[in-house]
C-alpha atoms as a PDB file:
ATOM      1  CA  UNK A   1     228.242 171.575 180.994  1.00  0.00           C
ATOM      2  CA  UNK A   2     229.663 173.056 178.066  1.00  0.00           C
ATOM      3  CA  UNK A   3     233.019 172.008 178.343  1.00  0.00           C
ATOM      4  CA  UNK A   4     234.893 168.675 177.964  1.00  0.00           C
ATOM      5  CA  UNK A   5     234.759 166.657 181.174  1.00  0.00           C
ATOM      6  CA  UNK A   6     238.180 166.153 182.772  1.00  0.00           C
ATOM      7  CA  UNK A   7     238.672 162.541 183.366  1.00  0.00           C
ATOM      8  CA  UNK A   8     239.020 161.315 186.802  1.00  0.00           C
ATOM      9  CA  UNK A   9     242.536 159.861 185.994  1.00  0.00           C
ATOM     10  CA  UNK A  10     243.637 163.087 185.904  1.00  0.00           C
ATOM     11  CA  UNK A  11     242.179 164.673 188.963  1.00  0.00           C
ATOM     12  CA  UNK A  12     244.569 165.698 191.841  1.00  0.00           C
ATOM     13  CA  UNK A  13     244.035 164.777 195.149  1.00  0.00           C
ATOM     14  CA  UNK A  14     242.937 168.626 195.745  1.00  0.00           C
ATOM     15  CA  UNK A  15     239.983 168.006 193.017  1.00  0.00           C
ATOM     16  CA  UNK A  16     238.745 165.030 194.865  1.00  0.00           C
ATOM     17  CA  UNK A  17     238.476 166.845 198.231  1.00  0.00           C
ATOM     18  CA  UNK A  18     236.976 169.875 196.643  1.00  0.00           C
ATOM     19  CA  UNK A  19     234.522 168.299 194.111  1.00  0.00           C
ATOM     20  CA  UNK A  20     233.293 165.619 196.618  1.00  0.00           C
ATOM     21  CA  UNK A  21     229.825 165.954 195.806  1.00  0.00           C
ATOM     22  CA  UNK A  22     230.276 165.997 191.887  1.00  0.00           C
ATOM     23  CA  UNK A  23     232.529 162.923 192.419  1.00  0.00           C
ATOM     24  CA  UNK A  24     229.761 161.087 194.292  1.00  0.00           C
ATOM     25  CA  UNK A  25     227.772 161.711 191.234  1.00  0.00           C
ATOM     26  CA  UNK A  26     230.359 160.465 188.902  1.00  0.00           C
ATOM     27  CA  UNK A  27     230.964 157.146 190.412  1.00  0.00           C
ATOM     28  CA  UNK A  28     227.521 156.242 191.683  1.00  0.00           C
ATOM     29  CA  UNK A  29     226.147 153.083 189.987  1.00  0.00           C
ATOM     30  CA  UNK A  30     229.526 152.685 187.544  1.00  0.00           C
ATOM     31  CA  UNK A  31     229.189 151.269 184.252  1.00  0.00           C
ATOM     32  CA  UNK A  32     232.782 151.729 183.291  1.00  0.00           C
ATOM     33  CA  UNK A  33     236.302 151.392 184.416  1.00  0.00           C
ATOM     34  CA  UNK A  34     239.446 152.501 183.319  1.00  0.00           C
ATOM     35  CA  UNK A  35     242.101 150.239 181.796  1.00  0.00           C
ATOM     36  CA  UNK A  36     245.000 152.393 183.328  1.00  0.00           C
ATOM     37  CA  UNK A  37     244.120 153.139 186.626  1.00  0.00           C
ATOM     38  CA  UNK A  38     241.189 151.105 187.627  1.00  0.00           C
ATOM     39  CA  UNK A  39     238.733 154.100 188.576  1.00  0.00           C
ATOM     40  CA  UNK A  40     235.164 153.466 188.020  1.00  0.00           C
ATOM     41  CA  UNK A  41     232.371 156.323 186.537  1.00  0.00           C
ATOM     42  CA  UNK A  42     228.869 155.812 185.650  1.00  0.00           C
ATOM     43  CA  UNK A  43     229.864 157.549 181.956  1.00  0.00           C
ATOM     44  CA  UNK A  44     233.058 156.816 180.162  1.00  0.00           C
ATOM     45  CA  UNK A  45     233.590 160.516 179.552  1.00  0.00           C
ATOM     46  CA  UNK A  46     235.081 160.395 182.821  1.00  0.00           C
ATOM     47  CA  UNK A  47     237.615 157.955 182.413  1.00  0.00           C
ATOM     48  CA  UNK A  48     240.659 157.901 179.815  1.00  0.00           C
ATOM     49  CA  UNK A  49     240.639 154.422 178.603  1.00  0.00           C
ATOM     50  CA  UNK A  50     236.818 153.221 179.707  1.00  0.00           C
ATOM     51  CA  UNK A  51     236.044 149.634 179.518  1.00  0.00           C
ATOM     52  CA  UNK A  52     232.152 148.691 179.946  1.00  0.00           C
ATOM     53  CA  UNK A  53     231.815 146.500 183.089  1.00  0.00           C
END
């Protein structure tokens, strides 16, 4: 993936539906949580303000 990842915090509801398989990979075995919205992800690049959990 050459382009910068769009944080989950900025995904629209439609993106969650359309990209469900990608979302499953992003949130599997979460290591970070966003300070603002509480979403969790395996890599910090997927969150706006990641904090290690």
